[in-house]
Amino acid sequence: MAIDLVMVGQILTVVLGAAAGYAGKYLLDVKALLRELGESFTVTAKAIEDNTVTPEEMKAIIKEWGDVIRIFGRKTKKV
């Protein structure tokens, strides 16, 4: 039994097209996630830069990482 490369190509085209459509639907979520991740890493890096974390810095860290977790929660509800 020979593998039909044209059929394999067509199947891959359909699968990749569906994946691209799905990714496009959630592009705004991806942008929001990347923005929040950037903010979270920035706040965390600034807080630990001097090897101490103040209560205010800890609140900011918790808030920023909470935003990241909320985006994941929103994402899983849509799927």
PDB file of N, CA and C in Angstrom:
ATOM      1  N   MET A   1       0.845  -1.175   0.000  1.00  0.00           N
ATOM      2  CA  MET A   1       0.000   0.000   0.000  1.00  0.00           C
ATOM      3  C   MET A   1       0.894   1.244   0.000  1.00  0.00           C
ATOM      4  N   ALA A   2       0.747   2.075  -0.996  1.00  0.00           N
ATOM      5  CA  ALA A   2       1.562   3.283  -1.127  1.00  0.00           C
ATOM      6  C   ALA A   2       0.857   4.463  -0.462  1.00  0.00           C
ATOM      7  N   ILE A   3       1.641   5.361   0.060  1.00  0.00           N
ATOM      8  CA  ILE A   3       1.106   6.562   0.689  1.00  0.00           C
ATOM      9  C   ILE A   3       0.943   7.628  -0.389  1.00  0.00           C
ATOM     10  N   ASP A   4      -0.247   8.177  -0.493  1.00  0.00           N
ATOM     11  CA  ASP A   4      -0.524   9.217  -1.472  1.00  0.00           C
ATOM     12  C   ASP A   4      -0.123  10.561  -0.872  1.00  0.00           C
ATOM     13  N   LEU A   5       0.976  11.128  -1.368  1.00  0.00           N
ATOM     14  CA  LEU A   5       1.495  12.378  -0.817  1.00  0.00           C
ATOM     15  C   LEU A   5       0.558  13.550  -1.073  1.00  0.00           C
ATOM     16  N   VAL A   6      -0.202  13.514  -2.139  1.00  0.00           N
ATOM     17  CA  VAL A   6      -1.168  14.583  -2.402  1.00  0.00           C
ATOM     18  C   VAL A   6      -2.248  14.579  -1.313  1.00  0.00           C
ATOM     19  N   MET A   7      -2.720  13.389  -0.951  1.00  0.00           N
ATOM     20  CA  MET A   7      -3.737  13.277   0.094  1.00  0.00           C
ATOM     21  C   MET A   7      -3.175  13.753   1.436  1.00  0.00           C
ATOM     22  N   VAL A   8      -1.940  13.390   1.736  1.00  0.00           N
ATOM     23  CA  VAL A   8      -1.292  13.839   2.977  1.00  0.00           C
ATOM     24  C   VAL A   8      -1.199  15.363   2.982  1.00  0.00           C
ATOM     25  N   GLY A   9      -0.825  15.939   1.849  1.00  0.00           N
ATOM     26  CA  GLY A   9      -0.740  17.399   1.738  1.00  0.00           C
ATOM     27  C   GLY A   9      -2.076  18.068   1.946  1.00  0.00           C
ATOM     28  N   GLN A  10      -3.129  17.498   1.389  1.00  0.00           N
ATOM     29  CA  GLN A  10      -4.461  18.068   1.557  1.00  0.00           C
ATOM     30  C   GLN A  10      -4.924  17.985   3.005  1.00  0.00           C
ATOM     31  N   ILE A  11      -4.664  16.871   3.637  1.00  0.00           N
ATOM     32  CA  ILE A  11      -5.041  16.722   5.048  1.00  0.00           C
ATOM     33  C   ILE A  11      -4.285  17.729   5.901  1.00  0.00           C
ATOM     34  N   LEU A  12      -2.987  17.884   5.668  1.00  0.00           N
ATOM     35  CA  LEU A  12      -2.194  18.861   6.416  1.00  0.00           C
ATOM     36  C   LEU A  12      -2.705  20.276   6.187  1.00  0.00           C
ATOM     37  N   THR A  13      -3.099  20.594   4.965  1.00  0.00           N
ATOM     38  CA  THR A  13      -3.632  21.923   4.669  1.00  0.00           C
ATOM     39  C   THR A  13      -4.897  22.196   5.458  1.00  0.00           C
ATOM     40  N   VAL A  14      -5.777  21.225   5.514  1.00  0.00           N
ATOM     41  CA  VAL A  14      -7.028  21.389   6.267  1.00  0.00           C
ATOM     42  C   VAL A  14      -6.735  21.547   7.759  1.00  0.00           C
ATOM     43  N   VAL A  15      -5.867  20.709   8.294  1.00  0.00           N
ATOM     44  CA  VAL A  15      -5.542  20.761   9.724  1.00  0.00           C
ATOM     45  C   VAL A  15      -4.882  22.087  10.078  1.00  0.00           C
ATOM     46  N   LEU A  16      -3.912  22.504   9.289  1.00  0.00           N
ATOM     47  CA  LEU A  16      -3.227  23.766   9.570  1.00  0.00           C
ATOM     48  C   LEU A  16      -4.155  24.962   9.380  1.00  0.00           C
ATOM     49  N   GLY A  17      -5.047  24.895   8.406  1.00  0.00           N
ATOM     50  CA  GLY A  17      -6.024  25.966   8.221  1.00  0.00           C
ATOM     51  C   GLY A  17      -6.954  26.090   9.416  1.00  0.00           C
ATOM     52  N   ALA A  18      -7.411  24.953   9.920  1.00  0.00           N
ATOM     53  CA  ALA A  18      -8.282  24.967  11.106  1.00  0.00           C
ATOM     54  C   ALA A  18      -7.533  25.507  12.318  1.00  0.00           C
ATOM     55  N   ALA A  19      -6.278  25.108  12.461  1.00  0.00           N
ATOM     56  CA  ALA A  19      -5.469  25.599  13.589  1.00  0.00           C
ATOM     57  C   ALA A  19      -5.253  27.105  13.488  1.00  0.00           C
ATOM     58  N   ALA A  20      -5.017  27.601  12.283  1.00  0.00           N
ATOM     59  CA  ALA A  20      -4.821  29.043  12.098  1.00  0.00           C
ATOM     60  C   ALA A  20      -6.101  29.808  12.416  1.00  0.00           C
ATOM     61  N   GLY A  21      -7.234  29.267  11.997  1.00  0.00           N
ATOM     62  CA  GLY A  21      -8.502  29.908  12.314  1.00  0.00           C
ATOM     63  C   GLY A  21      -8.767  29.948  13.805  1.00  0.00           C
ATOM     64  N   TYR A  22      -8.465  28.860  14.484  1.00  0.00           N
ATOM     65  CA  TYR A  22      -8.633  28.794  15.936  1.00  0.00           C
ATOM     66  C   TYR A  22      -7.709  29.797  16.619  1.00  0.00           C
ATOM     67  N   ALA A  23      -6.449  29.858  16.175  1.00  0.00           N
ATOM     68  CA  ALA A  23      -5.481  30.795  16.772  1.00  0.00           C
ATOM     69  C   ALA A  23      -5.914  32.238  16.535  1.00  0.00           C
ATOM     70  N   GLY A  24      -6.435  32.516  15.342  1.00  0.00           N
ATOM     71  CA  GLY A  24      -6.887  33.871  15.050  1.00  0.00           C
ATOM     72  C   GLY A  24      -8.049  34.288  15.932  1.00  0.00           C
ATOM     73  N   LYS A  25      -8.910  33.348  16.242  1.00  0.00           N
ATOM     74  CA  LYS A  25     -10.053  33.635  17.100  1.00  0.00           C
ATOM     75  C   LYS A  25      -9.598  34.084  18.489  1.00  0.00           C
ATOM     76  N   TYR A  26      -8.498  33.532  18.946  1.00  0.00           N
ATOM     77  CA  TYR A  26      -8.009  33.840  20.282  1.00  0.00           C
ATOM     78  C   TYR A  26      -6.798  34.764  20.277  1.00  0.00           C
ATOM     79  N   LEU A  27      -6.566  35.465  19.165  1.00  0.00           N
ATOM     80  CA  LEU A  27      -5.409  36.347  19.068  1.00  0.00           C
ATOM     81  C   LEU A  27      -5.427  37.431  20.138  1.00  0.00           C
ATOM     82  N   LEU A  28      -6.593  37.974  20.421  1.00  0.00           N
ATOM     83  CA  LEU A  28      -6.680  39.004  21.447  1.00  0.00           C
ATOM     84  C   LEU A  28      -6.306  38.453  22.810  1.00  0.00           C
ATOM     85  N   ASP A  29      -6.692  37.216  23.100  1.00  0.00           N
ATOM     86  CA  ASP A  29      -6.311  36.593  24.358  1.00  0.00           C
ATOM     87  C   ASP A  29      -4.803  36.394  24.424  1.00  0.00           C
ATOM     88  N   VAL A  30      -4.197  36.023  23.308  1.00  0.00           N
ATOM     89  CA  VAL A  30      -2.748  35.820  23.274  1.00  0.00           C
ATOM     90  C   VAL A  30      -2.045  37.150  23.520  1.00  0.00           C
ATOM     91  N   LYS A  31      -2.526  38.216  22.880  1.00  0.00           N
ATOM     92  CA  LYS A  31      -1.906  39.526  23.091  1.00  0.00           C
ATOM     93  C   LYS A  31      -2.045  39.961  24.548  1.00  0.00           C
ATOM     94  N   ALA A  32      -3.224  39.759  25.110  1.00  0.00           N
ATOM     95  CA  ALA A  32      -3.444  40.131  26.512  1.00  0.00           C
ATOM     96  C   ALA A  32      -2.549  39.306  27.432  1.00  0.00           C
ATOM     97  N   LEU A  33      -2.415  38.017  27.133  1.00  0.00           N
ATOM     98  CA  LEU A  33      -1.565  37.154  27.952  1.00  0.00           C
ATOM     99  C   LEU A  33      -0.111  37.611  27.892  1.00  0.00           C
ATOM    100  N   LEU A  34       0.386  37.905  26.703  1.00  0.00           N
ATOM    101  CA  LEU A  34       1.771  38.350  26.574  1.00  0.00           C
ATOM    102  C   LEU A  34       1.996  39.674  27.294  1.00  0.00           C
ATOM    103  N   ARG A  35       1.028  40.592  27.187  1.00  0.00           N
ATOM    104  CA  ARG A  35       1.146  41.881  27.875  1.00  0.00           C
ATOM    105  C   ARG A  35       1.203  41.662  29.395  1.00  0.00           C
ATOM    106  N   GLU A  36       0.290  40.841  29.906  1.00  0.00           N
ATOM    107  CA  GLU A  36       0.260  40.588  31.347  1.00  0.00           C
ATOM    108  C   GLU A  36       1.503  39.845  31.820  1.00  0.00           C
ATOM    109  N   LEU A  37       1.992  38.901  31.029  1.00  0.00           N
ATOM    110  CA  LEU A  37       3.231  38.212  31.400  1.00  0.00           C
ATOM    111  C   LEU A  37       4.388  39.188  31.492  1.00  0.00           C
ATOM    112  N   GLY A  38       4.472  40.103  30.528  1.00  0.00           N
ATOM    113  CA  GLY A  38       5.531  41.109  30.553  1.00  0.00           C
ATOM    114  C   GLY A  38       5.455  41.976  31.801  1.00  0.00           C
ATOM    115  N   GLU A  39       4.250  42.425  32.120  1.00  0.00           N
ATOM    116  CA  GLU A  39       4.067  43.240  33.323  1.00  0.00           C
ATOM    117  C   GLU A  39       4.420  42.451  34.578  1.00  0.00           C
ATOM    118  N   SER A  40       4.019  41.188  34.620  1.00  0.00           N
ATOM    119  CA  SER A  40       4.291  40.362  35.795  1.00  0.00           C
ATOM    120  C   SER A  40       5.781  40.143  35.998  1.00  0.00           C
ATOM    121  N   PHE A  41       6.484  39.817  34.926  1.00  0.00           N
ATOM    122  CA  PHE A  41       7.923  39.609  35.038  1.00  0.00           C
ATOM    123  C   PHE A  41       8.633  40.909  35.417  1.00  0.00           C
ATOM    124  N   THR A  42       8.183  42.041  34.881  1.00  0.00           N
ATOM    125  CA  THR A  42       8.808  43.327  35.197  1.00  0.00           C
ATOM    126  C   THR A  42       8.641  43.668  36.676  1.00  0.00           C
ATOM    127  N   VAL A  43       7.417  43.531  37.177  1.00  0.00           N
ATOM    128  CA  VAL A  43       7.154  43.839  38.595  1.00  0.00           C
ATOM    129  C   VAL A  43       7.948  42.894  39.493  1.00  0.00           C
ATOM    130  N   THR A  44       7.980  41.628  39.151  1.00  0.00           N
ATOM    131  CA  THR A  44       8.714  40.647  39.957  1.00  0.00           C
ATOM    132  C   THR A  44      10.208  40.937  39.943  1.00  0.00           C
ATOM    133  N   ALA A  45      10.753  41.239  38.777  1.00  0.00           N
ATOM    134  CA  ALA A  45      12.193  41.521  38.665  1.00  0.00           C
ATOM    135  C   ALA A  45      12.578  42.758  39.468  1.00  0.00           C
ATOM    136  N   LYS A  46      11.760  43.805  39.390  1.00  0.00           N
ATOM    137  CA  LYS A  46      12.050  45.022  40.158  1.00  0.00           C
ATOM    138  C   LYS A  46      11.977  44.757  41.655  1.00  0.00           C
ATOM    139  N   ALA A  47      11.024  43.911  42.056  1.00  0.00           N
ATOM    140  CA  ALA A  47      10.845  43.626  43.483  1.00  0.00           C
ATOM    141  C   ALA A  47      12.019  42.841  44.056  1.00  0.00           C
ATOM    142  N   ILE A  48      12.560  41.904  43.319  1.00  0.00           N
ATOM    143  CA  ILE A  48      13.641  41.055  43.858  1.00  0.00           C
ATOM    144  C   ILE A  48      15.034  41.584  43.528  1.00  0.00           C
ATOM    145  N   GLU A  49      15.093  42.715  42.854  1.00  0.00           N
ATOM    146  CA  GLU A  49      16.380  43.282  42.449  1.00  0.00           C
ATOM    147  C   GLU A  49      17.300  43.551  43.647  1.00  0.00           C
ATOM    148  N   ASP A  50      16.750  44.026  44.739  1.00  0.00           N
ATOM    149  CA  ASP A  50      17.564  44.356  45.917  1.00  0.00           C
ATOM    150  C   ASP A  50      17.563  43.236  46.959  1.00  0.00           C
ATOM    151  N   ASN A  51      17.098  42.047  46.577  1.00  0.00           N
ATOM    152  CA  ASN A  51      17.058  40.865  47.444  1.00  0.00           C
ATOM    153  C   ASN A  51      16.110  41.002  48.631  1.00  0.00           C
ATOM    154  N   THR A  52      15.221  41.972  48.587  1.00  0.00           N
ATOM    155  CA  THR A  52      14.170  42.098  49.599  1.00  0.00           C
ATOM    156  C   THR A  52      12.871  42.447  48.887  1.00  0.00           C
ATOM    157  N   VAL A  53      11.771  41.981  49.454  1.00  0.00           N
ATOM    158  CA  VAL A  53      10.464  42.271  48.881  1.00  0.00           C
ATOM    159  C   VAL A  53       9.613  42.926  49.958  1.00  0.00           C
ATOM    160  N   THR A  54       9.213  44.155  49.693  1.00  0.00           N
ATOM    161  CA  THR A  54       8.374  44.882  50.644  1.00  0.00           C
ATOM    162  C   THR A  54       6.929  44.398  50.526  1.00  0.00           C
ATOM    163  N   PRO A  55       6.110  44.676  51.535  1.00  0.00           N
ATOM    164  CA  PRO A  55       4.698  44.292  51.445  1.00  0.00           C
ATOM    165  C   PRO A  55       3.994  44.915  50.224  1.00  0.00           C
ATOM    166  N   GLU A  56       4.343  46.151  49.883  1.00  0.00           N
ATOM    167  CA  GLU A  56       3.744  46.798  48.716  1.00  0.00           C
ATOM    168  C   GLU A  56       4.152  46.082  47.435  1.00  0.00           C
ATOM    169  N   GLU A  57       5.425  45.685  47.356  1.00  0.00           N
ATOM    170  CA  GLU A  57       5.897  44.954  46.190  1.00  0.00           C
ATOM    171  C   GLU A  57       5.220  43.590  46.094  1.00  0.00           C
ATOM    172  N   MET A  58       5.018  42.946  47.221  1.00  0.00           N
ATOM    173  CA  MET A  58       4.356  41.650  47.227  1.00  0.00           C
ATOM    174  C   MET A  58       2.911  41.776  46.738  1.00  0.00           C
ATOM    175  N   LYS A  59       2.223  42.834  47.155  1.00  0.00           N
ATOM    176  CA  LYS A  59       0.862  43.067  46.679  1.00  0.00           C
ATOM    177  C   LYS A  59       0.841  43.263  45.168  1.00  0.00           C
ATOM    178  N   ALA A  60       1.813  44.014  44.649  1.00  0.00           N
ATOM    179  CA  ALA A  60       1.896  44.254  43.200  1.00  0.00           C
ATOM    180  C   ALA A  60       2.179  42.948  42.451  1.00  0.00           C
ATOM    181  N   ILE A  61       3.060  42.130  43.006  1.00  0.00           N
ATOM    182  CA  ILE A  61       3.382  40.841  42.380  1.00  0.00           C
ATOM    183  C   ILE A  61       2.140  39.956  42.334  1.00  0.00           C
ATOM    184  N   ILE A  62       1.437  39.865  43.449  1.00  0.00           N
ATOM    185  CA  ILE A  62       0.237  39.031  43.517  1.00  0.00           C
ATOM    186  C   ILE A  62      -0.823  39.528  42.539  1.00  0.00           C
ATOM    187  N   LYS A  63      -0.990  40.856  42.453  1.00  0.00           N
ATOM    188  CA  LYS A  63      -1.971  41.413  41.529  1.00  0.00           C
ATOM    189  C   LYS A  63      -1.622  41.067  40.089  1.00  0.00           C
ATOM    190  N   GLU A  64      -0.363  41.282  39.695  1.00  0.00           N
ATOM    191  CA  GLU A  64       0.038  41.042  38.305  1.00  0.00           C
ATOM    192  C   GLU A  64      -0.072  39.562  37.933  1.00  0.00           C
ATOM    193  N   TRP A  65       0.389  38.677  38.803  1.00  0.00           N
ATOM    194  CA  TRP A  65       0.297  37.250  38.491  1.00  0.00           C
ATOM    195  C   TRP A  65      -1.143  36.765  38.556  1.00  0.00           C
ATOM    196  N   GLY A  66      -1.960  37.408  39.362  1.00  0.00           N
ATOM    197  CA  GLY A  66      -3.391  37.105  39.382  1.00  0.00           C
ATOM    198  C   GLY A  66      -4.041  37.438  38.048  1.00  0.00           C
ATOM    199  N   ASP A  67      -3.600  38.543  37.436  1.00  0.00           N
ATOM    200  CA  ASP A  67      -4.111  38.902  36.112  1.00  0.00           C
ATOM    201  C   ASP A  67      -3.769  37.826  35.086  1.00  0.00           C
ATOM    202  N   VAL A  68      -2.563  37.279  35.164  1.00  0.00           N
ATOM    203  CA  VAL A  68      -2.159  36.206  34.246  1.00  0.00           C
ATOM    204  C   VAL A  68      -3.047  34.981  34.461  1.00  0.00           C
ATOM    205  N   ILE A  69      -3.283  34.625  35.707  1.00  0.00           N
ATOM    206  CA  ILE A  69      -4.111  33.458  36.018  1.00  0.00           C
ATOM    207  C   ILE A  69      -5.540  33.671  35.529  1.00  0.00           C
ATOM    208  N   ARG A  70      -6.066  34.895  35.660  1.00  0.00           N
ATOM    209  CA  ARG A  70      -7.422  35.178  35.181  1.00  0.00           C
ATOM    210  C   ARG A  70      -7.535  34.993  33.671  1.00  0.00           C
ATOM    211  N   ILE A  71      -6.493  35.374  32.944  1.00  0.00           N
ATOM    212  CA  ILE A  71      -6.519  35.183  31.485  1.00  0.00           C
ATOM    213  C   ILE A  71      -6.574  33.700  31.160  1.00  0.00           C
ATOM    214  N   PHE A  72      -5.805  32.880  31.864  1.00  0.00           N
ATOM    215  CA  PHE A  72      -5.865  31.434  31.632  1.00  0.00           C
ATOM    216  C   PHE A  72      -7.244  30.894  31.981  1.00  0.00           C
ATOM    217  N   GLY A  73      -7.850  31.373  33.038  1.00  0.00           N
ATOM    218  CA  GLY A  73      -9.185  30.927  33.412  1.00  0.00           C
ATOM    219  C   GLY A  73     -10.217  31.309  32.383  1.00  0.00           C
ATOM    220  N   ARG A  74     -10.085  32.507  31.841  1.00  0.00           N
ATOM    221  CA  ARG A  74     -10.997  32.955  30.802  1.00  0.00           C
ATOM    222  C   ARG A  74     -10.809  32.115  29.550  1.00  0.00           C
ATOM    223  N   LYS A  75      -9.580  31.743  29.254  1.00  0.00           N
ATOM    224  CA  LYS A  75      -9.257  30.947  28.059  1.00  0.00           C
ATOM    225  C   LYS A  75      -9.868  29.553  28.176  1.00  0.00           C
ATOM    226  N   THR A  76      -9.747  28.935  29.342  1.00  0.00           N
ATOM    227  CA  THR A  76     -10.242  27.563  29.476  1.00  0.00           C
ATOM    228  C   THR A  76     -11.755  27.516  29.432  1.00  0.00           C
ATOM    229  N   LYS A  77     -12.438  28.579  29.825  1.00  0.00           N
ATOM    230  CA  LYS A  77     -13.893  28.589  29.771  1.00  0.00           C
ATOM    231  C   LYS A  77     -14.399  28.619  28.332  1.00  0.00           C
ATOM    232  N   LYS A  78     -13.631  29.216  27.418  1.00  0.00           N
ATOM    233  CA  LYS A  78     -14.063  29.337  26.035  1.00  0.00           C
ATOM    234  C   LYS A  78     -13.907  28.028  25.278  1.00  0.00           C
ATOM    235  N   VAL A  79     -12.952  27.216  25.679  1.00  0.00           N
ATOM    236  CA  VAL A  79     -12.662  25.996  24.924  1.00  0.00           C
ATOM    237  C   VAL A  79     -13.721  24.968  25.105  1.00  0.00           C
TER     238      VAL A  79
END
